[in-house]
């Protein structure tokens, strides 16, 4: 079972990556082999598998996004399938993987949804969670017509919108995915933040500590100039 340490505590996810893929039921062997190849022998310290289903008139489309975290890398795998005939006898799977160094992660954003907040108790579970991760500086623009407070107004008020910094966003719902999936998403985000902090701290230490060759080089150069 994947686990990591944060703040001196030992935290475990509710299901292993293999169990999460089996529960999703979307070509688990194929997706598992893709993730294993991308890990290239590195231990996975946290994971998140998210299956989405879309309805297009009479067709049903599914695709899965899997995040696998090591101490140094975030691996993103996305798998879609497509039917080549109406009978569904010929199907192809389209797979993409991306590997992002953990030190390049710029933001990890969690949006929570609670129902009946006026009756909130500490034991109440999160009903919905959206995890957004940014690393490339990409932006998403959501734009629409602007309006004023007058319902009878027909004037053109231009457009309004929001700019969101994100490279990937996953929405996990307790109703659709289960409470364990929501909890595992929270644990994954915490693991990613911890790994990102460690990587940034290590990078800062390396920048503040000059290498031996650089120190020796400066000493030799200064020594020659003093003798001239």
Protein backbone atom coordinates (compact mmCIF):
# COMPACT_ATOMS: atom_id res chain seq x y z
CA UNK A 1 0.00 0.00 0.00
CA UNK A 2 1.44 3.40 -0.95
CA UNK A 3 2.42 5.53 2.01
CA UNK A 4 4.52 8.56 2.86
CA UNK A 5 5.64 10.48 5.91
CA UNK A 6 4.59 14.06 6.53
CA UNK A 7 5.15 16.05 9.70
CA UNK A 8 6.35 12.92 11.50
CA UNK A 9 3.15 10.97 10.79
CA UNK A 10 2.76 7.89 8.64
CA UNK A 11 -0.10 8.26 6.15
CA UNK A 12 -1.49 5.48 3.99
CA UNK A 13 -3.91 5.62 1.09
CA UNK A 14 -7.04 3.51 1.31
CA UNK A 15 -6.19 1.39 -1.73
CA UNK A 16 -3.11 0.45 -3.69
CA UNK A 17 -2.60 1.66 -7.25
CA UNK A 18 -3.44 -1.81 -8.55
CA UNK A 19 -6.66 -1.85 -6.52
CA UNK A 20 -7.59 1.62 -7.76
CA UNK A 21 -7.10 0.54 -11.39
CA UNK A 22 -9.11 -2.64 -10.85
CA UNK A 23 -11.91 -0.63 -9.25
CA UNK A 24 -11.96 1.78 -12.19
CA UNK A 25 -12.23 -1.24 -14.51
CA UNK A 26 -10.81 0.61 -17.52
CA UNK A 27 -8.22 -1.73 -19.06
CA UNK A 28 -6.46 -2.13 -15.67
CA UNK A 29 -3.70 -4.42 -16.95
CA UNK A 30 -2.86 -2.11 -19.84
CA UNK A 31 -2.91 1.04 -17.72
CA UNK A 32 -0.87 -0.68 -15.00
CA UNK A 33 1.83 -1.69 -17.49
CA UNK A 34 1.98 1.86 -18.87
CA UNK A 35 2.46 3.29 -15.37
CA UNK A 36 5.06 0.66 -14.49
CA UNK A 37 7.04 1.47 -17.62
CA UNK A 38 6.87 5.21 -16.87
CA UNK A 39 8.03 4.64 -13.28
CA UNK A 40 11.11 2.86 -14.65
CA UNK A 41 11.81 1.10 -11.36
CA UNK A 42 11.25 4.12 -9.10
CA UNK A 43 8.99 3.45 -6.09
CA UNK A 44 5.55 5.05 -6.22
CA UNK A 45 4.90 6.89 -2.95
CA UNK A 46 1.37 8.09 -3.81
CA UNK A 47 -1.13 7.73 -6.63
CA UNK A 48 -4.47 8.91 -7.94
CA UNK A 49 -6.63 7.18 -10.57
CA UNK A 50 -9.66 9.02 -11.90
CA UNK A 51 -12.16 7.59 -14.39
CA UNK A 52 -14.49 9.94 -16.26
CA UNK A 53 -17.52 9.05 -18.37
CA UNK A 54 -19.05 11.31 -21.02
CA UNK A 55 -22.28 10.80 -22.97
CA UNK A 56 -22.44 11.90 -26.60
CA UNK A 57 -25.99 11.31 -27.87
CA UNK A 58 -26.13 7.51 -28.13
CA UNK A 59 -22.44 6.90 -27.42
CA UNK A 60 -20.64 6.55 -24.11
CA UNK A 61 -17.02 7.67 -23.89
CA UNK A 62 -14.73 6.87 -20.99
CA UNK A 63 -11.18 7.89 -20.23
CA UNK A 64 -8.89 7.56 -17.25
CA UNK A 65 -6.20 9.82 -15.84
CA UNK A 66 -3.62 8.33 -13.49
CA UNK A 67 -1.13 10.30 -11.41
CA UNK A 68 1.84 8.44 -9.93
CA UNK A 69 4.28 10.22 -7.63
CA UNK A 70 7.87 9.36 -6.86
CA UNK A 71 10.31 11.38 -4.76
CA UNK A 72 11.52 13.21 -7.87
CA UNK A 73 8.87 12.84 -10.57
CA UNK A 74 5.15 13.28 -11.16
CA UNK A 75 3.92 10.89 -13.86
CA UNK A 76 0.65 11.64 -15.65
CA UNK A 77 -0.93 8.95 -17.81
CA UNK A 78 -4.10 9.45 -19.83
CA UNK A 79 -5.92 6.66 -21.66
CA UNK A 80 -8.85 6.99 -24.09
CA UNK A 81 -10.53 4.29 -26.15
CA UNK A 82 -12.29 4.58 -29.48
CA UNK A 83 -14.52 2.20 -31.42
CA UNK A 84 -13.62 1.76 -35.07
CA UNK A 85 -16.93 0.18 -36.02
CA UNK A 86 -20.56 0.46 -34.96
CA UNK A 87 -20.59 -3.03 -33.46
CA UNK A 88 -17.73 -2.17 -31.13
CA UNK A 89 -15.71 -5.20 -32.21
CA UNK A 90 -12.64 -3.15 -33.14
CA UNK A 91 -11.40 -0.84 -30.41
CA UNK A 92 -8.15 1.10 -30.06
CA UNK A 93 -6.67 2.67 -26.96
CA UNK A 94 -4.86 5.98 -27.16
CA UNK A 95 -2.30 6.47 -24.40
CA UNK A 96 -0.23 9.50 -23.46
CA UNK A 97 2.26 9.86 -20.61
CA UNK A 98 4.03 12.91 -19.27
CA UNK A 99 6.82 13.06 -16.72
CA UNK A 100 7.22 16.25 -14.72
CA UNK A 101 10.08 16.88 -12.26
CA UNK A 102 8.55 17.50 -8.83
CA UNK A 103 10.73 20.60 -8.37
CA UNK A 104 8.94 22.22 -11.34
CA UNK A 105 5.51 22.02 -9.71
CA UNK A 106 4.36 25.60 -9.18
CA UNK A 107 1.00 25.12 -7.52
CA UNK A 108 -1.18 22.45 -5.94
CA UNK A 109 -4.72 23.72 -5.45
CA UNK A 110 -7.55 21.91 -3.67
CA UNK A 111 -11.16 23.06 -3.92
CA UNK A 112 -13.54 21.49 -1.40
CA UNK A 113 -17.31 21.11 -1.53
CA UNK A 114 -19.29 20.52 1.65
CA UNK A 115 -23.05 20.14 1.88
CA UNK A 116 -25.11 21.79 4.61
CA UNK A 117 -22.19 23.83 5.98
CA UNK A 118 -24.42 25.34 8.69
CA UNK A 119 -24.55 21.87 10.27
CA UNK A 120 -20.84 21.11 9.77
CA UNK A 121 -19.11 18.74 12.18
CA UNK A 122 -15.41 17.79 12.11
CA UNK A 123 -16.40 14.23 11.22
CA UNK A 124 -18.29 15.33 8.08
CA UNK A 125 -16.60 14.06 4.88
CA UNK A 126 -15.82 16.19 1.85
CA UNK A 127 -18.52 15.58 -0.76
CA UNK A 128 -16.46 16.76 -3.71
CA UNK A 129 -12.84 17.65 -4.31
CA UNK A 130 -11.11 19.29 -7.28
CA UNK A 131 -7.34 18.93 -7.50
CA UNK A 132 -5.52 21.36 -9.80
CA UNK A 133 -1.78 21.09 -10.48
CA UNK A 134 0.27 23.65 -12.38
CA UNK A 135 3.86 23.34 -13.59
CA UNK A 136 4.31 24.94 -17.03
CA UNK A 137 2.78 28.34 -16.42
CA UNK A 138 -0.14 27.50 -18.71
CA UNK A 139 -3.37 29.41 -18.29
CA UNK A 140 -7.01 28.56 -18.97
CA UNK A 141 -9.40 31.36 -19.92
CA UNK A 142 -13.12 30.98 -19.25
CA UNK A 143 -15.00 33.84 -20.89
CA UNK A 144 -18.64 34.77 -21.42
CA UNK A 145 -20.91 37.76 -22.06
CA UNK A 146 -21.01 40.32 -19.25
CA UNK A 147 -24.31 41.54 -17.84
CA UNK A 148 -25.59 44.22 -15.48
CA UNK A 149 -28.10 44.00 -12.67
CA UNK A 150 -31.02 45.18 -14.79
CA UNK A 151 -32.91 42.16 -16.21
CA UNK A 152 -34.51 44.39 -18.87
CA UNK A 153 -31.20 45.79 -20.11
CA UNK A 154 -30.30 44.80 -23.68
CA UNK A 155 -27.06 46.82 -23.94
CA UNK A 156 -23.78 45.18 -24.88
CA UNK A 157 -21.63 45.03 -21.75
CA UNK A 158 -18.71 43.26 -23.40
CA UNK A 159 -17.25 40.11 -21.97
CA UNK A 160 -16.03 38.92 -18.62
CA UNK A 161 -14.03 35.89 -17.63
CA UNK A 162 -11.54 34.27 -15.31
CA UNK A 163 -7.98 33.13 -15.87
CA UNK A 164 -6.97 29.93 -14.12
CA UNK A 165 -3.39 28.67 -13.83
CA UNK A 166 -3.48 24.91 -14.23
CA UNK A 167 -2.02 22.13 -16.30
CA UNK A 168 -4.35 19.45 -15.01
CA UNK A 169 -7.53 19.46 -12.96
CA UNK A 170 -9.34 16.40 -11.61
CA UNK A 171 -12.78 16.48 -9.96
CA UNK A 172 -13.45 13.65 -7.54
CA UNK A 173 -16.98 13.22 -6.19
CA UNK A 174 -18.01 11.11 -3.22
CA UNK A 175 -21.25 10.17 -4.97
CA UNK A 176 -19.61 9.10 -8.23
CA UNK A 177 -16.20 7.87 -7.04
CA UNK A 178 -16.74 7.01 -3.38
CA UNK A 179 -15.50 8.47 -0.11
CA UNK A 180 -12.25 6.48 -0.27
CA UNK A 181 -11.40 8.08 -3.63
CA UNK A 182 -11.95 11.56 -2.19
CA UNK A 183 -9.79 10.79 0.83
CA UNK A 184 -7.08 9.30 -1.38
CA UNK A 185 -7.09 12.47 -3.49
CA UNK A 186 -6.47 14.54 -0.34
CA UNK A 187 -3.63 12.23 0.67
CA UNK A 188 -2.12 12.41 -2.83
CA UNK A 189 -2.20 16.22 -2.77
CA UNK A 190 -0.50 16.23 0.62
CA UNK A 191 2.19 13.85 -0.64
CA UNK A 192 2.76 15.99 -3.73
CA UNK A 193 3.11 19.13 -1.64
CA UNK A 194 5.60 17.43 0.67
CA UNK A 195 7.69 16.10 -2.22
CA UNK A 196 7.61 19.50 -3.91
CA UNK A 197 8.77 21.25 -0.72
CA UNK A 198 11.64 18.79 -0.27
CA UNK A 199 12.73 19.21 -3.90
CA UNK A 200 12.65 23.00 -3.68
CA UNK A 201 14.56 22.97 -0.40
CA UNK A 202 17.21 20.67 -1.87
CA UNK A 203 17.52 22.92 -4.93
CA UNK A 204 17.96 26.02 -2.76
CA UNK A 205 20.66 24.31 -0.70
CA UNK A 206 22.52 23.32 -3.86
CA UNK A 207 22.42 26.90 -5.15
CA UNK A 208 23.78 28.29 -1.86
CA UNK A 209 26.63 25.75 -1.69
CA UNK A 210 29.31 26.40 -4.38
CA UNK A 211 31.03 23.37 -5.83
CA UNK A 212 34.61 22.53 -4.89
CA UNK A 213 35.90 23.23 -8.39
CA UNK A 214 34.34 26.71 -8.37
CA UNK A 215 35.87 27.53 -4.98
CA UNK A 216 39.29 26.23 -6.03
CA UNK A 217 39.14 28.14 -9.29
CA UNK A 218 38.46 31.43 -7.57
CA UNK A 219 41.24 30.81 -5.07
CA UNK A 220 43.78 30.10 -7.83
CA UNK A 221 42.77 33.14 -9.85
CA UNK A 222 43.00 35.46 -6.87
CA UNK A 223 46.33 33.96 -5.87
CA UNK A 224 47.87 34.66 -9.29
CA UNK A 225 46.59 38.22 -9.34
CA UNK A 226 48.12 38.91 -5.93
CA UNK A 227 51.56 37.77 -7.08
CA UNK A 228 51.56 39.95 -10.19
